[in-house]
Protein backbone atom coordinates (compact mmCIF):
# COMPACT_ATOMS: atom_id res chain seq x y z
CA MET A 1 -18.66 -4.55 25.00
CA LYS A 2 -17.91 -3.19 21.43
CA ARG A 3 -19.30 -4.67 18.24
CA THR A 4 -17.22 -7.63 16.93
CA LEU A 5 -16.22 -7.11 13.59
CA LEU A 6 -14.27 -10.17 12.90
CA THR A 7 -15.75 -13.77 12.55
CA CYS A 8 -13.18 -15.78 14.50
CA GLY A 9 -12.95 -19.45 15.03
CA LEU A 10 -12.48 -20.15 11.12
CA ALA A 11 -9.86 -22.91 10.35
CA ALA A 12 -6.64 -21.58 10.51
CA ALA A 13 -5.19 -21.49 6.90
CA THR A 14 -1.45 -22.35 6.20
CA PHE A 15 0.55 -19.81 4.05
CA SER A 16 0.58 -21.32 0.34
CA ALA A 17 0.46 -20.04 -2.79
CA THR A 18 -1.42 -20.97 -6.18
CA ALA A 19 -0.82 -20.01 -9.63
CA ALA A 20 -2.09 -16.66 -10.25
CA ASP A 21 -5.20 -16.17 -12.76
CA PRO A 22 -3.48 -13.29 -14.84
CA ALA A 23 -6.96 -12.74 -16.93
CA LYS A 24 -8.83 -12.36 -13.23
CA PHE A 25 -6.41 -9.40 -12.52
CA ASP A 26 -5.46 -8.50 -16.02
CA HIS A 27 -7.27 -5.33 -15.98
CA ALA A 28 -5.95 -4.07 -12.90
CA THR A 29 -2.36 -4.99 -13.89
CA LYS A 30 -2.71 -3.03 -17.03
CA ALA A 31 -4.10 0.10 -14.84
CA VAL A 32 -1.36 0.17 -12.71
CA GLU A 33 1.21 -0.13 -15.54
CA ASN A 34 -0.67 2.86 -17.16
CA GLY A 35 0.16 4.82 -14.29
CA ASP A 36 -3.65 5.43 -13.40
CA PHE A 37 -2.65 5.03 -9.42
CA LYS A 38 0.71 6.77 -9.69
CA THR A 39 3.51 4.30 -8.22
CA ILE A 40 2.14 1.16 -6.65
CA THR A 41 5.04 -1.04 -6.08
CA SER A 42 3.24 -4.35 -5.55
CA ILE A 43 -0.14 -5.83 -5.12
CA LEU A 44 -0.86 -9.16 -3.41
CA VAL A 45 -4.70 -10.84 -2.88
CA ALA A 46 -5.20 -13.70 -1.01
CA GLN A 47 -8.57 -15.67 -0.56
CA ASP A 48 -9.11 -18.42 1.77
CA GLY A 49 -5.50 -18.60 2.69
CA LYS A 50 -4.17 -18.67 -0.60
CA ILE A 51 -2.53 -16.31 -2.82
CA VAL A 52 -4.65 -15.52 -6.02
CA TYR A 53 -2.60 -12.66 -7.31
CA GLU A 54 0.61 -11.38 -6.69
CA HIS A 55 2.60 -8.93 -8.82
CA TYR A 56 5.59 -6.55 -8.40
CA PHE A 57 5.58 -3.34 -10.36
CA ASP A 58 9.17 -2.39 -9.42
CA LYS A 59 12.48 -3.79 -10.17
CA ASP A 60 12.98 -4.69 -6.30
CA GLY A 61 10.63 -7.70 -6.34
CA ALA A 62 9.18 -10.10 -4.23
CA GLU A 63 12.25 -9.94 -1.66
CA ALA A 64 12.33 -6.26 -1.27
CA ARG A 65 11.57 -5.07 2.46
CA ARG A 66 8.44 -2.50 1.84
CA ASN A 67 8.71 0.64 4.08
CA THR A 68 5.05 0.88 4.65
CA ARG A 69 5.48 3.62 7.32
CA SER A 70 2.48 3.85 10.04
CA ALA A 71 1.31 0.22 9.13
CA THR A 72 4.00 -0.66 11.53
CA LYS A 73 1.74 0.74 14.41
CA THR A 74 -0.70 -2.18 13.84
CA ILE A 75 2.19 -4.52 14.55
CA ALA A 76 3.03 -2.55 18.01
CA GLY A 77 -0.60 -3.25 19.07
CA MET A 78 0.15 -7.11 18.20
CA LEU A 79 3.26 -7.05 20.46
CA ALA A 80 1.15 -5.62 23.35
CA GLY A 81 -1.24 -8.24 22.85
CA LEU A 82 1.57 -10.80 23.22
CA ALA A 83 3.00 -9.21 26.25
CA VAL A 84 -0.25 -9.45 27.97
CA GLU A 85 -0.62 -13.05 26.79
CA ASP A 86 2.85 -13.86 28.46
CA GLY A 87 1.83 -12.25 31.56
CA LYS A 88 4.17 -9.49 31.24
CA LEU A 89 1.72 -6.66 31.22
CA PRO A 90 -1.45 -6.82 33.58
CA GLY A 91 -3.86 -5.80 30.41
CA PRO A 92 -4.79 -2.92 28.41
CA LYS A 93 -5.87 -1.10 31.36
CA ALA A 94 -2.22 -1.24 32.71
CA ARG A 95 -0.83 2.32 33.52
CA ILE A 96 2.34 3.02 31.34
CA PHE A 97 4.19 4.71 34.00
CA ASP A 98 4.07 1.68 36.10
CA VAL A 99 5.62 -0.13 33.35
CA LEU A 100 8.26 2.26 32.01
CA PRO A 101 11.75 3.17 33.54
CA PRO A 102 11.23 5.11 36.74
CA ALA A 103 13.15 7.98 35.30
CA ARG A 104 10.31 8.65 32.72
CA ARG A 105 8.24 9.48 35.69
CA ALA A 106 10.97 11.26 37.70
CA ASN A 107 11.71 13.37 34.64
CA MET A 108 8.43 14.22 33.54
CA GLN A 109 7.73 17.86 32.49
CA ASN A 110 4.19 19.10 32.98
CA ARG A 111 3.44 16.84 35.88
CA ASP A 112 -0.21 16.25 36.06
CA PRO A 113 -2.28 13.28 37.62
CA ARG A 114 -4.20 12.66 34.67
CA LYS A 115 -0.84 11.95 32.69
CA GLU A 116 0.19 9.46 35.36
CA ALA A 117 -2.95 7.53 34.86
CA ILE A 118 -2.41 7.16 30.97
CA THR A 119 -2.94 3.39 30.06
CA VAL A 120 -1.85 0.97 27.32
CA GLU A 121 -5.07 1.38 26.00
CA ASP A 122 -4.87 4.62 25.61
CA LEU A 123 -2.18 4.55 23.56
CA LEU A 124 -3.49 1.79 21.61
CA THR A 125 -6.58 3.79 20.73
CA MET A 126 -4.42 7.18 19.86
CA SER A 127 -6.74 8.86 22.75
CA SER A 128 -4.37 9.82 25.73
CA ILE A 129 -4.69 12.89 27.81
CA VAL A 130 -1.71 14.67 26.31
CA GLU A 131 -1.61 17.18 23.73
CA CYS A 132 -0.35 15.28 20.82
CA ASP A 133 -1.79 15.44 17.20
CA ASP A 134 0.03 14.67 14.05
CA GLU A 135 -2.66 16.08 11.77
CA ASN A 136 -2.04 19.26 13.38
CA GLN A 137 0.96 21.26 12.51
CA MET A 138 0.63 23.39 15.32
CA SER A 139 0.65 20.59 18.06
CA ARG A 140 3.11 20.37 20.75
CA GLY A 141 3.25 16.59 20.31
CA ASN A 142 3.37 16.60 16.27
CA GLU A 143 5.44 13.86 15.26
CA GLU A 144 7.99 16.07 13.33
CA ARG A 145 8.87 17.93 16.29
CA MET A 146 9.82 14.51 18.13
CA TYR A 147 12.27 13.66 15.35
CA LEU A 148 14.33 16.93 16.10
CA ILE A 149 15.38 15.66 19.48
CA GLU A 150 17.08 12.65 20.86
CA ASP A 151 14.83 10.96 23.17
CA TRP A 152 11.48 10.20 21.43
CA VAL A 153 9.81 8.64 24.44
CA GLN A 154 10.56 11.38 26.69
CA PHE A 155 9.16 14.09 24.34
CA TYR A 156 5.69 12.29 24.62
CA VAL A 157 6.20 11.97 28.38
CA ASP A 158 6.54 15.75 28.85
CA LEU A 159 3.78 16.78 26.67
CA PRO A 160 1.14 19.00 28.31
CA VAL A 161 -2.61 18.07 28.94
CA GLN A 162 -4.71 18.51 25.89
CA GLY A 163 -7.19 21.44 26.14
CA PHE A 164 -10.83 21.33 25.18
CA PRO A 165 -12.20 24.29 24.10
CA ALA A 166 -15.96 24.55 23.40
CA TRP A 167 -15.60 23.26 19.64
CA MET A 168 -13.76 20.08 20.55
CA PRO A 169 -15.71 17.47 22.30
CA LYS A 170 -14.22 16.11 25.68
CA PRO A 171 -13.49 12.43 25.98
CA ALA A 172 -16.72 12.01 27.90
CA ASP A 173 -18.94 13.32 25.32
CA SER A 174 -17.36 11.62 22.51
CA PRO A 175 -18.11 8.15 20.79
CA HIS A 176 -16.56 5.23 22.91
CA GLY A 177 -15.67 7.73 25.90
CA ARG A 178 -12.30 8.51 23.68
CA SER A 179 -10.97 11.68 22.07
CA PHE A 180 -9.01 10.51 19.09
CA ARG A 181 -5.83 12.44 17.96
CA TYR A 182 -3.33 10.33 15.84
CA CYS A 183 -0.32 10.49 17.64
CA THR A 184 2.86 8.68 16.76
CA SER A 185 4.97 9.58 19.55
CA GLY A 186 2.40 7.69 21.76
CA VAL A 187 2.79 4.39 19.64
CA THR A 188 6.76 5.22 19.82
CA THR A 189 6.27 5.07 23.70
CA LEU A 190 4.30 2.06 23.45
CA GLY A 191 7.18 0.47 21.89
CA GLU A 192 9.17 1.11 25.02
CA VAL A 193 6.25 -0.10 27.43
CA VAL A 194 6.30 -3.39 25.66
CA GLN A 195 10.14 -3.55 25.71
CA SER A 196 9.98 -2.68 29.49
CA ALA A 197 7.58 -5.36 30.29
CA VAL A 198 8.98 -8.13 28.57
CA HIS A 199 12.50 -7.13 29.67
CA GLU A 200 13.77 -7.75 26.08
CA PRO A 201 14.55 -5.57 23.05
CA LEU A 202 11.57 -4.82 21.28
CA GLN A 203 12.91 -6.22 17.89
CA GLU A 204 13.86 -9.40 19.50
CA TYR A 205 10.60 -9.89 21.08
CA ALA A 206 8.80 -9.17 17.95
CA GLN A 207 10.98 -11.87 16.15
CA ARG A 208 10.56 -14.43 18.78
CA ARG A 209 6.90 -14.21 19.71
CA LEU A 210 5.44 -13.01 16.20
CA PHE A 211 7.77 -13.05 13.22
CA ASP A 212 9.21 -16.46 13.78
CA PRO A 213 5.88 -18.27 14.20
CA LEU A 214 4.70 -16.53 11.01
CA GLY A 215 7.86 -17.45 8.97
CA ILE A 216 8.98 -13.49 8.58
CA GLN A 217 12.73 -13.23 8.43
CA LYS A 218 15.17 -10.20 8.14
CA PRO A 219 12.59 -7.34 8.95
CA GLU A 220 14.16 -3.86 8.65
CA TRP A 221 13.53 -1.94 11.95
CA GLN A 222 14.25 1.75 12.30
CA PHE A 223 15.54 2.94 15.41
CA SER A 224 15.58 6.33 17.64
CA PRO A 225 18.64 8.09 18.20
CA LEU A 226 18.92 6.37 21.57
CA GLY A 227 18.42 2.78 20.01
CA LEU A 228 14.92 1.92 20.64
CA ALA A 229 13.07 0.23 17.90
CA GLN A 230 10.50 2.39 16.50
CA ALA A 231 6.98 0.91 16.85
CA GLY A 232 5.49 4.11 15.32
CA GLY A 233 6.58 3.34 11.74
CA GLY A 234 8.87 2.77 9.29
CA LEU A 235 9.38 -1.37 9.53
CA GLY A 236 10.51 -3.08 6.44
CA LEU A 237 8.76 -6.04 5.57
CA ARG A 238 8.07 -8.06 2.16
CA THR A 239 4.70 -7.95 1.00
CA ARG A 240 4.03 -11.35 1.59
CA ASP A 241 5.03 -11.08 5.33
CA LEU A 242 2.31 -8.06 5.40
CA TRP A 243 -0.10 -10.62 3.91
CA LYS A 244 0.72 -13.02 6.85
CA LEU A 245 0.20 -10.58 9.43
CA GLY A 246 -3.10 -9.72 7.90
CA GLN A 247 -4.29 -13.28 7.46
CA LEU A 248 -3.14 -13.87 11.19
CA TYR A 249 -5.96 -11.64 12.10
CA LEU A 250 -8.24 -12.73 9.59
CA ASP A 251 -7.98 -16.08 10.83
CA GLY A 252 -8.67 -15.07 14.70
CA GLY A 253 -5.16 -14.99 15.49
CA ARG A 254 -4.26 -18.69 14.09
CA ALA A 255 -1.47 -19.43 11.73
CA ASN A 256 0.04 -22.96 10.55
CA GLY A 257 -2.08 -24.64 13.03
CA LYS A 258 -1.27 -22.70 16.14
CA GLN A 259 -2.72 -19.76 18.17
CA VAL A 260 -0.11 -17.37 17.64
CA MET A 261 -2.11 -14.19 18.78
CA PRO A 262 -4.77 -14.62 21.48
CA GLU A 263 -8.18 -14.69 19.98
CA ALA A 264 -9.81 -12.12 22.35
CA TRP A 265 -6.99 -9.84 21.79
CA VAL A 266 -7.80 -9.96 18.24
CA ARG A 267 -11.42 -9.66 18.54
CA ALA A 268 -10.83 -6.48 20.70
CA SER A 269 -8.24 -4.96 18.15
CA LEU A 270 -10.68 -5.48 15.42
CA SER A 271 -13.64 -3.81 17.38
CA PRO A 272 -14.65 0.20 17.49
CA GLN A 273 -12.73 1.58 20.40
CA ALA A 274 -12.66 5.20 19.25
CA PHE A 275 -14.31 7.24 16.71
CA ALA A 276 -11.52 8.60 14.23
CA ARG A 277 -13.49 9.98 11.55
CA ASP A 278 -16.69 10.05 9.39
CA GLU A 279 -15.14 7.02 7.21
CA ALA A 280 -13.37 5.04 9.81
CA ASP A 281 -13.57 4.10 13.63
CA TYR A 282 -10.55 2.79 15.24
CA GLY A 283 -9.56 -0.42 17.12
CA TYR A 284 -6.30 -1.27 18.70
CA LEU A 285 -3.96 0.47 16.28
CA TRP A 286 -6.16 -1.01 13.39
CA TRP A 287 -8.25 1.41 11.11
CA LEU A 288 -11.71 0.07 10.67
CA MET A 289 -12.30 1.78 7.29
CA LYS A 290 -15.77 2.43 5.98
CA ILE A 291 -15.45 1.59 2.27
CA PRO A 292 -18.15 2.04 -0.35
CA VAL A 293 -18.53 -0.99 -2.36
CA GLY A 294 -21.47 -0.99 -4.89
CA ASP A 295 -24.49 0.06 -3.09
CA LYS A 296 -23.17 -0.91 0.43
CA THR A 297 -20.60 -0.08 2.88
CA VAL A 298 -18.04 -2.40 3.84
CA VAL A 299 -16.19 -2.27 6.85
CA ALA A 300 -12.51 -3.19 6.38
CA PRO A 301 -9.99 -3.45 9.04
CA THR A 302 -6.76 -2.02 7.99
CA MET A 303 -3.37 -1.54 8.40
CA ALA A 304 -2.16 1.85 6.73
CA GLY A 305 0.74 3.99 6.19
CA THR A 306 1.86 7.13 4.48
CA GLY A 307 1.47 7.12 0.82
CA GLY A 308 -1.55 4.82 0.46
CA ASN A 309 0.22 1.46 1.79
CA ALA A 310 -2.35 -0.71 3.12
CA VAL A 311 -3.30 -4.22 4.06
CA PHE A 312 -7.09 -4.56 3.96
CA LEU A 313 -8.82 -7.46 5.57
CA LEU A 314 -12.01 -8.37 3.51
CA GLN A 315 -13.82 -10.40 6.03
CA ASP A 316 -17.02 -11.39 3.81
CA LYS A 317 -14.65 -12.72 1.16
CA HIS A 318 -12.13 -14.12 3.64
CA ALA A 319 -9.54 -12.25 1.78
CA VAL A 320 -6.52 -10.17 2.47
CA VAL A 321 -5.40 -7.50 -0.09
CA VAL A 322 -2.02 -5.75 0.21
CA ILE A 323 -0.82 -2.75 -1.62
CA THR A 324 2.43 -1.03 -1.32
CA THR A 325 3.30 2.12 -2.93
CA THR A 326 5.82 5.11 -3.06
CA ASN A 327 3.14 7.67 -3.72
CA TYR A 328 4.38 9.61 -0.38
CA ASN A 329 4.28 12.91 -2.35
CA GLU A 330 1.11 12.31 -4.04
CA ARG A 331 -1.96 14.30 -3.62
CA GLN A 332 -4.51 11.98 -1.75
CA PRO A 333 -2.60 8.69 -1.72
CA HIS A 334 -5.01 6.64 0.14
CA LEU A 335 -7.92 7.64 -1.98
CA LEU A 336 -5.83 6.17 -5.04
CA THR A 337 -5.22 3.00 -3.16
CA PHE A 338 -9.13 2.84 -2.27
CA LYS A 339 -9.98 3.42 -5.88
CA LEU A 340 -7.43 0.59 -6.88
CA LEU A 341 -8.98 -1.84 -4.32
CA THR A 342 -12.68 -1.03 -4.95
CA GLN A 343 -12.57 -0.22 -8.65
CA GLU A 344 -10.02 -3.19 -9.59
CA LEU A 345 -9.49 -5.87 -6.94
CA ILE A 346 -12.68 -6.22 -5.16
CA PRO A 347 -14.67 -6.82 -8.39
CA ALA A 348 -12.25 -9.58 -9.33
CA LEU A 349 -12.75 -11.64 -6.12
């Protein structure tokens, strides 16, 4: 069993706010306003379930739905966990073609028994056997190619099997037995897997089982050309909504006195399931970032999206940090976010 990173069983905090202490985070406010981290649009810091700092740097303010891009993927993992809890999915080992509409398997190109054995867990850990790598512009499965066609799920289903040349470790030779390749179309497909399992449009299931219990209203989904809610990215949520999702996992799946997410699913999600890169492992659609803080390294489970948008869980401080940006076209936007976190925000806690 993988190492558990989350301290569960903590008393669930209710969502509440305290008056921000301007002096405590004053330096961070000034640095952002000076443009030291390019275009940061909002910051929220919560500790022990209460907001200790909240600041909006754009005209849109607290009610704006922030497009945090691939942070949506983490929510797709939450919905998969709820589908398992509801008895609609057998578990992470369920084979996706046993759940997807039969036409997916019937119309599959590049047929291969290894594709038919792809599991929900393979999609949760970015390690399915098909050739799909968003970080490789030559990849057949690069997400930019997916957006060119109408049926995004069939795009994934039709991909060929990944080849493993000598310089590329095979899954059996990789940490956790998985070959990690970042694949948006796989998470898009996970959305249809969940939707098919629960027999309910994905966005309605998300509202009923996840967002309503947390008090999250009017999320702004993006949809594929065929009308599937995009689990792979683009969901618009308020900054406080993002905090609530992070706080839910920090508290072992509990919120407002109720167990909203299964505690075991939270533990598995925040445990290393795949090796992503030197500075991060990967759980169930959670980045497990290794962040240098002083003379030590802190592992921070993170929801992350393009532009350096992020929700960090700082377990040793029982804190959640939300940073939203529009640094989509900046160089190394995630590094800007990490510097803001480590140089300005963590020292204030």
